[in-house]
């Protein structure tokens, strides 16, 4: 059945009654959900306080991450230098094994920045020094093994270093990159 009665005029006593943030009761007692923006809490997005807290947490995390980066770069640099030094020491070792310790031409080998062996100091970045010690083994004949100590120094300035009389090694000043390796060969 259709209601054909004329609409009633709304007076303050029969008009809509709003409960902020919830729903409204119309004059007939029906519940209505408000459709105006801001009538219902939680539909408007984030509050300024929530955004500020989120930005503070993100800034704190970003500062912590930025603090780790220099340590990571330093570790990567050290690792790269150790890898280069090990490769150069390995090249000297293989050269000694090919030509023999007695026939190895010099106690200093020079390499450029790419690891290419050089005949002199011109363009040398890495200086590879070697010293040889007798290595007596129990039960073996004297002089059966030789211990070769290889020092790899990044020395682009071409400095000279004194030899320590007790160890036979070069005395490398603090601040230069130096790695020492040892291996044994038959004379």
N, C-alpha and C. Protein backbone atom coordinates (compact mmCIF):
# COMPACT_ATOMS: atom_id res chain seq x y z
N UNK A 1 0.83 -1.16 0.00
CA UNK A 1 0.00 0.00 0.00
C UNK A 1 0.88 1.23 0.00
N UNK A 2 0.46 2.22 -0.79
CA UNK A 2 1.25 3.43 -0.97
C UNK A 2 0.68 4.50 -0.06
N UNK A 3 1.58 5.21 0.59
CA UNK A 3 1.19 6.30 1.48
C UNK A 3 0.97 7.54 0.62
N UNK A 4 -0.23 8.02 0.57
CA UNK A 4 -0.56 9.21 -0.24
C UNK A 4 -0.75 10.44 0.61
N UNK A 5 -0.44 10.34 1.87
CA UNK A 5 -0.62 11.52 2.71
C UNK A 5 0.43 12.55 2.39
N UNK A 6 0.13 13.77 2.65
CA UNK A 6 1.05 14.87 2.39
C UNK A 6 2.21 14.80 3.36
N UNK A 7 3.36 15.19 2.88
CA UNK A 7 4.51 15.15 3.79
C UNK A 7 4.33 16.13 4.93
N UNK A 8 4.82 15.66 6.06
CA UNK A 8 4.71 16.52 7.24
C UNK A 8 5.88 17.49 7.24
N UNK A 9 5.63 18.68 7.71
CA UNK A 9 6.73 19.63 7.84
C UNK A 9 7.51 19.27 9.10
N UNK A 10 8.82 19.37 8.94
CA UNK A 10 9.66 18.99 10.07
C UNK A 10 9.84 20.18 10.99
N UNK A 11 9.57 19.93 12.21
CA UNK A 11 9.82 20.96 13.22
C UNK A 11 10.99 20.48 14.06
N UNK A 12 11.56 21.36 14.86
CA UNK A 12 12.68 20.94 15.69
C UNK A 12 12.35 19.72 16.53
N UNK A 13 11.12 19.53 16.92
CA UNK A 13 10.79 18.39 17.77
C UNK A 13 10.65 17.11 16.96
N UNK A 14 10.29 17.21 15.68
CA UNK A 14 10.10 16.01 14.88
C UNK A 14 11.21 15.82 13.86
N UNK A 15 12.22 16.71 13.81
CA UNK A 15 13.29 16.63 12.82
C UNK A 15 14.29 15.52 13.14
N UNK A 16 15.32 15.47 12.33
CA UNK A 16 16.35 14.44 12.51
C UNK A 16 17.12 14.70 13.80
N UNK A 17 17.44 13.64 14.46
CA UNK A 17 18.24 13.71 15.67
C UNK A 17 19.56 13.02 15.40
N UNK A 18 20.67 13.77 15.41
CA UNK A 18 21.97 13.23 15.05
C UNK A 18 22.77 12.85 16.27
N UNK A 19 23.40 11.70 16.20
CA UNK A 19 24.38 11.30 17.20
C UNK A 19 25.73 11.35 16.51
N UNK A 20 26.54 12.30 16.87
CA UNK A 20 27.81 12.49 16.14
C UNK A 20 28.63 11.21 16.11
N UNK A 21 29.10 10.84 14.90
CA UNK A 21 29.98 9.71 14.75
C UNK A 21 29.27 8.37 14.66
N UNK A 22 27.94 8.35 14.74
CA UNK A 22 27.27 7.04 14.72
C UNK A 22 26.22 7.02 13.62
N UNK A 23 25.01 7.19 13.95
CA UNK A 23 23.93 7.20 12.96
C UNK A 23 22.91 8.23 13.39
N UNK A 24 21.94 8.42 12.58
CA UNK A 24 20.91 9.43 12.87
C UNK A 24 19.56 8.75 12.96
N UNK A 25 18.70 9.35 13.76
CA UNK A 25 17.31 8.90 13.83
C UNK A 25 16.46 9.94 13.12
N UNK A 26 15.71 9.48 12.20
CA UNK A 26 14.84 10.42 11.50
C UNK A 26 13.59 10.65 12.35
N UNK A 27 12.74 11.55 11.91
CA UNK A 27 11.51 11.84 12.63
C UNK A 27 10.63 10.60 12.77
N UNK A 28 10.75 9.66 11.83
CA UNK A 28 9.93 8.45 11.91
C UNK A 28 10.59 7.36 12.73
N UNK A 29 11.81 7.62 13.24
CA UNK A 29 12.50 6.64 14.07
C UNK A 29 13.42 5.70 13.30
N UNK A 30 13.58 5.91 11.98
CA UNK A 30 14.46 5.05 11.20
C UNK A 30 15.92 5.45 11.42
N UNK A 31 16.80 4.45 11.42
CA UNK A 31 18.23 4.74 11.54
C UNK A 31 18.76 5.04 10.16
N UNK A 32 19.55 6.11 10.06
CA UNK A 32 20.22 6.45 8.81
C UNK A 32 21.70 6.63 9.09
N UNK A 33 22.54 6.19 8.15
CA UNK A 33 23.99 6.41 8.26
C UNK A 33 24.27 7.74 7.58
N UNK A 34 24.96 8.63 8.25
CA UNK A 34 25.24 9.93 7.64
C UNK A 34 26.08 9.77 6.38
N UNK A 35 25.88 10.62 5.41
CA UNK A 35 26.62 10.54 4.17
C UNK A 35 27.52 11.75 3.94
N UNK A 36 27.60 12.61 4.89
CA UNK A 36 28.47 13.77 4.74
C UNK A 36 29.88 13.40 5.21
N UNK A 37 30.89 13.94 4.56
CA UNK A 37 32.28 13.66 4.95
C UNK A 37 32.52 14.17 6.35
N UNK A 38 33.15 13.36 7.14
CA UNK A 38 33.47 13.75 8.49
C UNK A 38 32.39 13.41 9.49
N UNK A 39 31.23 12.92 9.03
CA UNK A 39 30.19 12.55 9.97
C UNK A 39 30.53 11.27 10.70
N UNK A 40 31.26 10.39 10.06
CA UNK A 40 31.60 9.12 10.69
C UNK A 40 33.11 9.10 10.93
N UNK A 41 33.51 8.86 12.15
CA UNK A 41 34.93 8.83 12.48
C UNK A 41 35.60 7.63 11.83
N UNK A 42 36.90 7.78 11.46
CA UNK A 42 37.67 6.68 10.89
C UNK A 42 37.65 6.63 9.38
N UNK A 43 36.82 7.41 8.71
CA UNK A 43 36.79 7.38 7.25
C UNK A 43 37.61 8.52 6.65
N UNK A 44 38.17 9.39 7.43
CA UNK A 44 38.85 10.56 6.90
C UNK A 44 40.34 10.37 6.63
N UNK A 45 40.98 9.23 6.96
CA UNK A 45 42.40 9.03 6.72
C UNK A 45 43.18 9.08 8.01
N UNK A 46 44.48 9.41 7.90
CA UNK A 46 45.35 9.44 9.06
C UNK A 46 45.32 10.81 9.70
N UNK A 47 45.49 10.82 11.01
CA UNK A 47 45.54 12.11 11.70
C UNK A 47 46.96 12.65 11.62
N UNK A 48 47.10 13.90 11.95
CA UNK A 48 48.41 14.55 11.91
C UNK A 48 49.37 13.88 12.90
N UNK A 49 48.89 13.47 14.03
CA UNK A 49 49.74 12.82 15.03
C UNK A 49 50.25 11.48 14.49
N UNK A 50 49.39 10.72 13.85
CA UNK A 50 49.80 9.43 13.30
C UNK A 50 50.85 9.61 12.20
N UNK A 51 50.67 10.60 11.37
CA UNK A 51 51.64 10.87 10.30
C UNK A 51 52.97 11.30 10.89
N UNK A 52 52.93 12.15 11.91
CA UNK A 52 54.16 12.63 12.56
C UNK A 52 54.92 11.47 13.20
N UNK A 53 54.21 10.59 13.89
CA UNK A 53 54.87 9.43 14.52
C UNK A 53 55.47 8.52 13.46
N UNK A 54 54.74 8.28 12.37
CA UNK A 54 55.26 7.43 11.30
C UNK A 54 56.52 8.03 10.68
N UNK A 55 56.52 9.34 10.48
CA UNK A 55 57.70 10.00 9.92
C UNK A 55 58.89 9.92 10.88
N UNK A 56 58.63 10.03 12.17
CA UNK A 56 59.69 9.91 13.17
C UNK A 56 60.31 8.52 13.17
N UNK A 57 59.47 7.50 13.07
CA UNK A 57 59.98 6.12 13.02
C UNK A 57 60.80 5.92 11.76
N UNK A 58 60.33 6.42 10.62
CA UNK A 58 61.08 6.28 9.37
C UNK A 58 62.41 7.03 9.43
N UNK A 59 62.42 8.21 10.03
CA UNK A 59 63.67 8.97 10.15
C UNK A 59 64.66 8.24 11.05
N UNK A 60 64.18 7.66 12.13
CA UNK A 60 65.05 6.90 13.03
C UNK A 60 65.66 5.71 12.29
N UNK A 61 64.86 4.99 11.51
CA UNK A 61 65.37 3.84 10.75
C UNK A 61 66.36 4.29 9.68
N UNK A 62 66.08 5.40 9.02
CA UNK A 62 66.98 5.89 7.97
C UNK A 62 68.33 6.30 8.56
N UNK A 63 68.33 6.93 9.73
CA UNK A 63 69.58 7.32 10.37
C UNK A 63 70.38 6.08 10.75
N UNK A 64 69.73 5.05 11.24
CA UNK A 64 70.42 3.82 11.60
C UNK A 64 71.04 3.16 10.38
N UNK A 65 70.32 3.14 9.27
CA UNK A 65 70.84 2.53 8.04
C UNK A 65 72.01 3.35 7.50
N UNK A 66 71.90 4.66 7.53
CA UNK A 66 73.00 5.51 7.05
C UNK A 66 74.24 5.34 7.91
N UNK A 67 74.08 5.02 9.17
CA UNK A 67 75.23 4.79 10.05
C UNK A 67 75.99 3.52 9.72
N UNK A 68 75.34 2.56 9.09
CA UNK A 68 75.96 1.28 8.75
C UNK A 68 76.75 1.38 7.45
N UNK A 69 76.38 2.25 6.56
CA UNK A 69 76.99 2.32 5.23
C UNK A 69 78.51 2.53 5.27
N UNK A 70 79.07 3.45 6.05
CA UNK A 70 80.54 3.61 6.05
C UNK A 70 81.27 2.34 6.48
N UNK A 71 80.72 1.63 7.45
CA UNK A 71 81.37 0.38 7.88
C UNK A 71 81.35 -0.65 6.76
N UNK A 72 80.27 -0.72 6.04
CA UNK A 72 80.17 -1.65 4.93
C UNK A 72 81.15 -1.31 3.82
N UNK A 73 81.30 -0.03 3.52
CA UNK A 73 82.25 0.39 2.49
C UNK A 73 83.69 0.09 2.91
N UNK A 74 84.01 0.33 4.18
CA UNK A 74 85.37 0.04 4.66
C UNK A 74 85.66 -1.46 4.60
N UNK A 75 84.68 -2.29 4.96
CA UNK A 75 84.87 -3.74 4.89
C UNK A 75 85.04 -4.20 3.45
N UNK A 76 84.29 -3.62 2.54
CA UNK A 76 84.43 -3.98 1.13
C UNK A 76 85.80 -3.58 0.59
N UNK A 77 86.30 -2.43 0.99
CA UNK A 77 87.63 -1.98 0.56
C UNK A 77 88.72 -2.90 1.09
N UNK A 78 88.63 -3.26 2.39
CA UNK A 78 89.61 -4.18 2.97
C UNK A 78 89.59 -5.53 2.26
N UNK A 79 88.41 -6.01 1.99
CA UNK A 79 88.27 -7.29 1.31
C UNK A 79 88.88 -7.24 -0.09
N UNK A 80 88.63 -6.17 -0.80
CA UNK A 80 89.19 -6.01 -2.14
C UNK A 80 90.72 -5.96 -2.09
N UNK A 81 91.27 -5.23 -1.13
CA UNK A 81 92.72 -5.13 -1.01
C UNK A 81 93.35 -6.47 -0.65
N UNK A 82 92.69 -7.23 0.22
CA UNK A 82 93.20 -8.55 0.59
C UNK A 82 93.16 -9.50 -0.60
N UNK A 83 92.12 -9.42 -1.40
CA UNK A 83 92.00 -10.26 -2.59
C UNK A 83 93.10 -9.94 -3.60
N UNK A 84 93.36 -8.67 -3.83
CA UNK A 84 94.42 -8.26 -4.76
C UNK A 84 95.77 -8.73 -4.25
N UNK A 85 96.03 -8.53 -2.95
CA UNK A 85 97.31 -8.95 -2.38
C UNK A 85 97.50 -10.46 -2.49
N UNK A 86 96.45 -11.23 -2.22
CA UNK A 86 96.55 -12.69 -2.32
C UNK A 86 96.81 -13.13 -3.76
N UNK A 87 96.19 -12.46 -4.71
CA UNK A 87 96.41 -12.80 -6.12
C UNK A 87 97.84 -12.50 -6.53
N UNK A 88 98.37 -11.36 -6.10
CA UNK A 88 99.75 -11.01 -6.45
C UNK A 88 100.74 -11.96 -5.79
N UNK A 89 100.50 -12.33 -4.55
CA UNK A 89 101.38 -13.29 -3.87
C UNK A 89 101.32 -14.64 -4.57
N UNK A 90 100.15 -15.02 -5.04
CA UNK A 90 99.99 -16.28 -5.77
C UNK A 90 100.76 -16.24 -7.09
N UNK A 91 100.77 -15.10 -7.76
CA UNK A 91 101.53 -14.98 -9.00
C UNK A 91 103.03 -15.14 -8.74
N UNK A 92 103.52 -14.52 -7.66
CA UNK A 92 104.93 -14.66 -7.31
C UNK A 92 105.23 -16.12 -6.97
N UNK A 93 104.34 -16.76 -6.24
CA UNK A 93 104.55 -18.16 -5.88
C UNK A 93 104.61 -19.05 -7.12
N UNK A 94 103.70 -18.85 -8.05
CA UNK A 94 103.72 -19.69 -9.26
C UNK A 94 104.96 -19.40 -10.11
N UNK A 95 105.41 -18.17 -10.15
CA UNK A 95 106.63 -17.83 -10.88
C UNK A 95 107.84 -18.52 -10.25
N UNK A 96 107.92 -18.51 -8.93
CA UNK A 96 109.03 -19.18 -8.24
C UNK A 96 108.99 -20.69 -8.51
N UNK A 97 107.80 -21.27 -8.50
CA UNK A 97 107.69 -22.70 -8.75
C UNK A 97 108.05 -23.05 -10.19
N UNK A 98 107.82 -22.14 -11.13
CA UNK A 98 108.16 -22.41 -12.53
C UNK A 98 109.66 -22.32 -12.79
N UNK A 99 110.28 -21.25 -12.31
CA UNK A 99 111.70 -21.05 -12.62
C UNK A 99 112.63 -21.54 -11.52
N UNK A 100 112.11 -21.82 -10.36
CA UNK A 100 112.94 -22.26 -9.23
C UNK A 100 113.35 -21.08 -8.38
N UNK A 101 113.55 -21.35 -7.12
CA UNK A 101 113.87 -20.29 -6.17
C UNK A 101 115.22 -19.66 -6.47
N UNK A 102 116.21 -20.48 -6.83
CA UNK A 102 117.55 -19.96 -7.09
C UNK A 102 117.57 -19.11 -8.36
N UNK A 103 116.69 -19.41 -9.32
CA UNK A 103 116.68 -18.68 -10.59
C UNK A 103 115.75 -17.47 -10.59
N UNK A 104 115.01 -17.29 -9.51
CA UNK A 104 114.09 -16.14 -9.47
C UNK A 104 114.94 -14.89 -9.47
N UNK A 105 114.66 -13.94 -10.38
CA UNK A 105 115.60 -12.85 -10.64
C UNK A 105 115.82 -11.85 -9.50
N UNK A 106 114.83 -11.58 -8.69
CA UNK A 106 114.99 -10.51 -7.71
C UNK A 106 114.12 -10.78 -6.49
N UNK A 107 114.37 -10.05 -5.42
CA UNK A 107 113.54 -10.20 -4.23
C UNK A 107 112.38 -9.21 -4.21
N UNK A 108 112.27 -8.35 -5.21
CA UNK A 108 111.18 -7.39 -5.32
C UNK A 108 110.54 -7.50 -6.70
N UNK A 109 109.23 -7.61 -6.71
CA UNK A 109 108.48 -7.67 -7.96
C UNK A 109 107.51 -6.49 -7.96
N UNK A 110 107.33 -5.89 -9.12
CA UNK A 110 106.48 -4.70 -9.23
C UNK A 110 105.26 -5.02 -10.07
N UNK A 111 104.11 -4.48 -9.65
CA UNK A 111 102.86 -4.67 -10.38
C UNK A 111 102.18 -3.32 -10.53
N UNK A 112 101.45 -3.16 -11.64
CA UNK A 112 100.67 -1.94 -11.80
C UNK A 112 99.34 -2.08 -11.08
N UNK A 113 98.48 -1.08 -11.20
CA UNK A 113 97.19 -1.09 -10.49
C UNK A 113 96.25 -2.19 -10.94
N UNK A 114 96.46 -2.72 -12.16
CA UNK A 114 95.62 -3.81 -12.66
C UNK A 114 96.18 -5.17 -12.34
N UNK A 115 97.36 -5.23 -11.70
CA UNK A 115 97.96 -6.51 -11.34
C UNK A 115 98.87 -7.07 -12.41
N UNK A 116 99.25 -6.26 -13.38
CA UNK A 116 100.17 -6.70 -14.45
C UNK A 116 101.60 -6.54 -13.95
N UNK A 117 102.41 -7.59 -14.15
CA UNK A 117 103.78 -7.56 -13.67
C UNK A 117 104.60 -6.57 -14.51
N UNK A 118 105.47 -5.81 -13.83
CA UNK A 118 106.31 -4.81 -14.49
C UNK A 118 107.78 -5.18 -14.29
N UNK A 119 108.63 -4.63 -15.15
CA UNK A 119 110.07 -4.91 -15.02
C UNK A 119 110.78 -3.90 -14.13
N UNK A 120 110.16 -2.78 -13.86
CA UNK A 120 110.78 -1.76 -13.01
C UNK A 120 109.73 -1.01 -12.22
N UNK A 121 110.18 0.04 -11.57
CA UNK A 121 109.29 0.79 -10.69
C UNK A 121 108.39 1.77 -11.42
N UNK A 122 108.65 2.03 -12.70
CA UNK A 122 107.84 2.99 -13.45
C UNK A 122 106.40 2.48 -13.57
N UNK A 123 105.47 3.22 -13.01
CA UNK A 123 104.05 2.85 -13.06
C UNK A 123 103.64 1.82 -12.03
N UNK A 124 104.55 1.46 -11.14
CA UNK A 124 104.25 0.42 -10.14
C UNK A 124 103.35 0.98 -9.05
N UNK A 125 102.35 0.20 -8.69
CA UNK A 125 101.45 0.54 -7.58
C UNK A 125 101.68 -0.43 -6.43
N UNK A 126 101.86 -1.70 -6.77
CA UNK A 126 102.09 -2.73 -5.75
C UNK A 126 103.53 -3.21 -5.81
N UNK A 127 104.17 -3.22 -4.64
CA UNK A 127 105.52 -3.75 -4.50
C UNK A 127 105.39 -5.06 -3.74
N UNK A 128 105.94 -6.11 -4.31
CA UNK A 128 105.88 -7.43 -3.68
C UNK A 128 107.31 -7.82 -3.30
N UNK A 129 107.55 -7.87 -2.00
CA UNK A 129 108.88 -8.22 -1.47
C UNK A 129 108.84 -9.67 -1.02
N UNK A 130 109.94 -10.36 -1.22
CA UNK A 130 110.01 -11.73 -0.72
C UNK A 130 111.30 -11.91 0.04
N UNK A 131 111.22 -12.76 1.03
CA UNK A 131 112.41 -13.17 1.76
C UNK A 131 112.35 -14.68 1.92
N UNK A 132 113.51 -15.30 2.04
CA UNK A 132 113.59 -16.76 2.09
C UNK A 132 114.30 -17.16 3.38
N UNK A 133 113.73 -18.14 4.05
CA UNK A 133 114.33 -18.69 5.27
C UNK A 133 114.44 -20.19 5.14
N UNK A 134 115.48 -20.74 5.76
CA UNK A 134 115.58 -22.19 5.82
C UNK A 134 114.47 -22.70 6.73
N UNK A 135 113.93 -23.84 6.38
CA UNK A 135 112.83 -24.40 7.15
C UNK A 135 113.17 -25.85 7.50
N UNK A 136 113.91 -26.03 8.58
CA UNK A 136 114.30 -27.41 8.92
C UNK A 136 113.09 -28.23 9.38
N UNK A 137 112.98 -29.40 8.82
CA UNK A 137 111.91 -30.31 9.21
C UNK A 137 112.52 -31.47 9.97
N UNK A 138 111.88 -31.93 11.01
CA UNK A 138 112.43 -33.07 11.75
C UNK A 138 112.54 -34.30 10.86
N UNK A 139 113.71 -34.90 10.84
CA UNK A 139 113.92 -36.11 10.05
C UNK A 139 114.27 -35.86 8.61
N UNK A 140 114.25 -34.60 8.14
CA UNK A 140 114.57 -34.30 6.75
C UNK A 140 115.99 -33.77 6.66
N UNK A 141 116.56 -33.87 5.48
CA UNK A 141 117.92 -33.37 5.30
C UNK A 141 117.91 -31.85 5.37
N UNK A 142 119.04 -31.29 5.75
CA UNK A 142 119.15 -29.84 5.89
C UNK A 142 118.91 -29.18 4.54
N UNK A 143 118.14 -28.11 4.55
CA UNK A 143 117.87 -27.35 3.33
C UNK A 143 116.86 -28.01 2.40
N UNK A 144 116.06 -28.95 2.94
CA UNK A 144 115.10 -29.62 2.06
C UNK A 144 113.90 -28.73 1.73
N UNK A 145 113.54 -27.86 2.61
CA UNK A 145 112.44 -26.93 2.34
C UNK A 145 112.89 -25.51 2.63
N UNK A 146 112.33 -24.59 1.88
CA UNK A 146 112.57 -23.18 2.12
C UNK A 146 111.22 -22.52 2.37
N UNK A 147 111.20 -21.65 3.35
CA UNK A 147 109.98 -20.88 3.61
C UNK A 147 110.13 -19.52 2.93
N UNK A 148 109.18 -19.22 2.06
CA UNK A 148 109.18 -17.95 1.34
C UNK A 148 108.11 -17.07 1.97
N UNK A 149 108.51 -15.89 2.39
CA UNK A 149 107.58 -14.92 2.97
C UNK A 149 107.42 -13.80 1.95
N UNK A 150 106.17 -13.53 1.60
CA UNK A 150 105.87 -12.52 0.59
C UNK A 150 105.09 -11.39 1.25
N UNK A 151 105.60 -10.18 1.09
CA UNK A 151 104.91 -8.99 1.58
C UNK A 151 104.40 -8.22 0.37
N UNK A 152 103.11 -7.94 0.35
CA UNK A 152 102.51 -7.15 -0.73
C UNK A 152 102.16 -5.78 -0.14
N UNK A 153 102.74 -4.74 -0.72
CA UNK A 153 102.54 -3.39 -0.21
C UNK A 153 101.99 -2.51 -1.34
N UNK A 154 100.90 -1.82 -1.05
CA UNK A 154 100.41 -0.82 -2.01
C UNK A 154 101.23 0.44 -1.77
N UNK A 155 102.09 0.74 -2.74
CA UNK A 155 103.07 1.79 -2.57
C UNK A 155 103.17 2.63 -3.85
N UNK A 156 102.11 3.37 -4.20
CA UNK A 156 102.16 4.14 -5.45
C UNK A 156 103.19 5.27 -5.44
N UNK A 157 103.63 5.69 -4.25
CA UNK A 157 104.61 6.78 -4.17
C UNK A 157 106.04 6.26 -4.39
N UNK A 158 106.24 4.95 -4.38
CA UNK A 158 107.57 4.39 -4.63
C UNK A 158 108.53 4.56 -3.48
N UNK A 159 108.05 4.55 -2.26
CA UNK A 159 108.93 4.69 -1.10
C UNK A 159 109.81 3.45 -0.97
N UNK A 160 110.96 3.64 -0.32
CA UNK A 160 111.83 2.51 -0.02
C UNK A 160 111.70 2.20 1.46
N UNK A 161 111.80 0.92 1.79
CA UNK A 161 111.61 0.48 3.17
C UNK A 161 112.83 -0.31 3.62
N UNK A 162 113.28 -0.07 4.85
CA UNK A 162 114.44 -0.81 5.34
C UNK A 162 114.08 -2.28 5.65
N UNK A 163 115.09 -3.13 5.57
CA UNK A 163 114.91 -4.54 5.87
C UNK A 163 115.26 -4.76 7.33
N UNK A 164 114.38 -5.43 8.06
CA UNK A 164 114.64 -5.78 9.45
C UNK A 164 115.66 -6.93 9.47
N UNK A 165 116.77 -6.74 10.17
CA UNK A 165 117.86 -7.72 10.18
C UNK A 165 117.46 -9.03 10.83
N UNK A 166 116.56 -9.00 11.79
CA UNK A 166 116.21 -10.24 12.49
C UNK A 166 115.18 -11.07 11.72
N UNK A 167 114.24 -10.44 11.06
CA UNK A 167 113.20 -11.19 10.35
C UNK A 167 113.44 -11.27 8.85
N UNK A 168 114.20 -10.37 8.30
CA UNK A 168 114.41 -10.34 6.86
C UNK A 168 113.26 -9.70 6.10
N UNK A 169 112.29 -9.18 6.82
CA UNK A 169 111.12 -8.54 6.20
C UNK A 169 111.32 -7.04 6.14
N UNK A 170 110.60 -6.42 5.25
CA UNK A 170 110.61 -4.96 5.15
C UNK A 170 109.81 -4.37 6.30
N UNK A 171 110.28 -3.26 6.81
CA UNK A 171 109.56 -2.55 7.86
C UNK A 171 108.65 -1.54 7.17
N UNK A 172 107.35 -1.83 7.19
CA UNK A 172 106.37 -1.01 6.49
C UNK A 172 105.75 -0.04 7.50
N UNK A 173 105.78 1.25 7.22
CA UNK A 173 105.18 2.21 8.16
C UNK A 173 103.67 2.06 8.23
N UNK A 174 103.14 2.47 9.36
CA UNK A 174 101.69 2.43 9.57
C UNK A 174 101.03 3.37 8.57
N UNK A 175 99.92 2.94 8.03
CA UNK A 175 99.19 3.77 7.08
C UNK A 175 99.25 3.23 5.66
N UNK A 176 100.27 2.43 5.35
CA UNK A 176 100.32 1.80 4.04
C UNK A 176 99.65 0.43 4.12
N UNK A 177 99.01 0.06 3.04
CA UNK A 177 98.32 -1.23 3.00
C UNK A 177 99.36 -2.32 2.76
N UNK A 178 99.44 -3.27 3.70
CA UNK A 178 100.43 -4.34 3.60
C UNK A 178 99.80 -5.66 4.03
N UNK A 179 100.07 -6.72 3.24
CA UNK A 179 99.63 -8.07 3.58
C UNK A 179 100.84 -8.99 3.47
N UNK A 180 100.94 -9.95 4.38
CA UNK A 180 102.06 -10.88 4.38
C UNK A 180 101.53 -12.30 4.20
N UNK A 181 102.21 -13.07 3.32
CA UNK A 181 101.84 -14.45 3.02
C UNK A 181 103.08 -15.32 3.13
N UNK A 182 102.88 -16.60 3.45
CA UNK A 182 104.00 -17.53 3.55
C UNK A 182 103.66 -18.80 2.77
N UNK A 183 104.69 -19.40 2.15
CA UNK A 183 104.52 -20.71 1.52
C UNK A 183 105.89 -21.39 1.52
N UNK A 184 105.89 -22.69 1.29
CA UNK A 184 107.11 -23.48 1.32
C UNK A 184 107.40 -24.02 -0.08
N UNK A 185 108.68 -24.05 -0.42
CA UNK A 185 109.09 -24.58 -1.71
C UNK A 185 110.30 -25.50 -1.50
N UNK A 186 110.51 -26.37 -2.47
CA UNK A 186 111.74 -27.17 -2.50
C UNK A 186 112.78 -26.37 -3.22
N UNK A 187 114.01 -26.35 -2.72
CA UNK A 187 115.06 -25.55 -3.39
C UNK A 187 115.46 -26.15 -4.73
